[in-house]
């Protein structure tokens, strides 16, 4: 007989545009691996991103962490065996969330760094929200795996951040914005980046491998792959 896959807990809504990709990708990956009508075992909670974004801007990260911790506890109570925070930026409070629950939190930064390392690269450029690019919580997680992390110059950081919040989080995908990102990627490559980390889950709505002269690392897909790996690890003959 086979053990049932573990239930993936998804803490989403930040924004729901990328959370929808998490849900779709998890189900597609499980179907590809198991075939037939198989789908992923998921419990999903979706917070109101307007509340979270206001706390981000105000620098009230402890309060934001408390909101996510409460949501994570709800996922655990609903039967989740492991947890994904479906956003890069809110991994700033990952330790606070993990401390509030008894199930493992799969850290997005770890999944990304492991993929970069498997590719044999050591220096990456990081695109994301201003919080992710400029604060230490995410870059330090990548550097703890032995990676060197480059961030764009100030103007590029400002534009990358603006496009995320004003466009991608609202489901708006503009060719002009794609060109802004392509130019930022080129400058990172010129500075020594061997690969580009798409360190915001919404960026994958805009940028793919074809937009970069070096490999890109899509953090949403990598995070989901890690979750599906963990979920299906229990599904073995016994």
Foldseek 3Di string as FASTA:
>chain_A
DWDAFAEEEEEEPLPVLLVVVLQVLQQVVQCVVPPDPDGGRYDYDHDHNVVVVVCVVVVVLVVSLVVSLVVLVVSVVVRGQEYEHRWLLNCVSVVSNCVSDDHYYDHLLVLQLVVCVVVVDAEEEEFDACSCQPDDSNVVSNCVSRHHYHYFPDVLNVLSNCCVVVALSVVHEDPVSLVSVLVRQVVVVVVPHQEYEHRTSSCVVHDACVSHPHHYGRSSSSSSVVVSCNRCVRTDDD
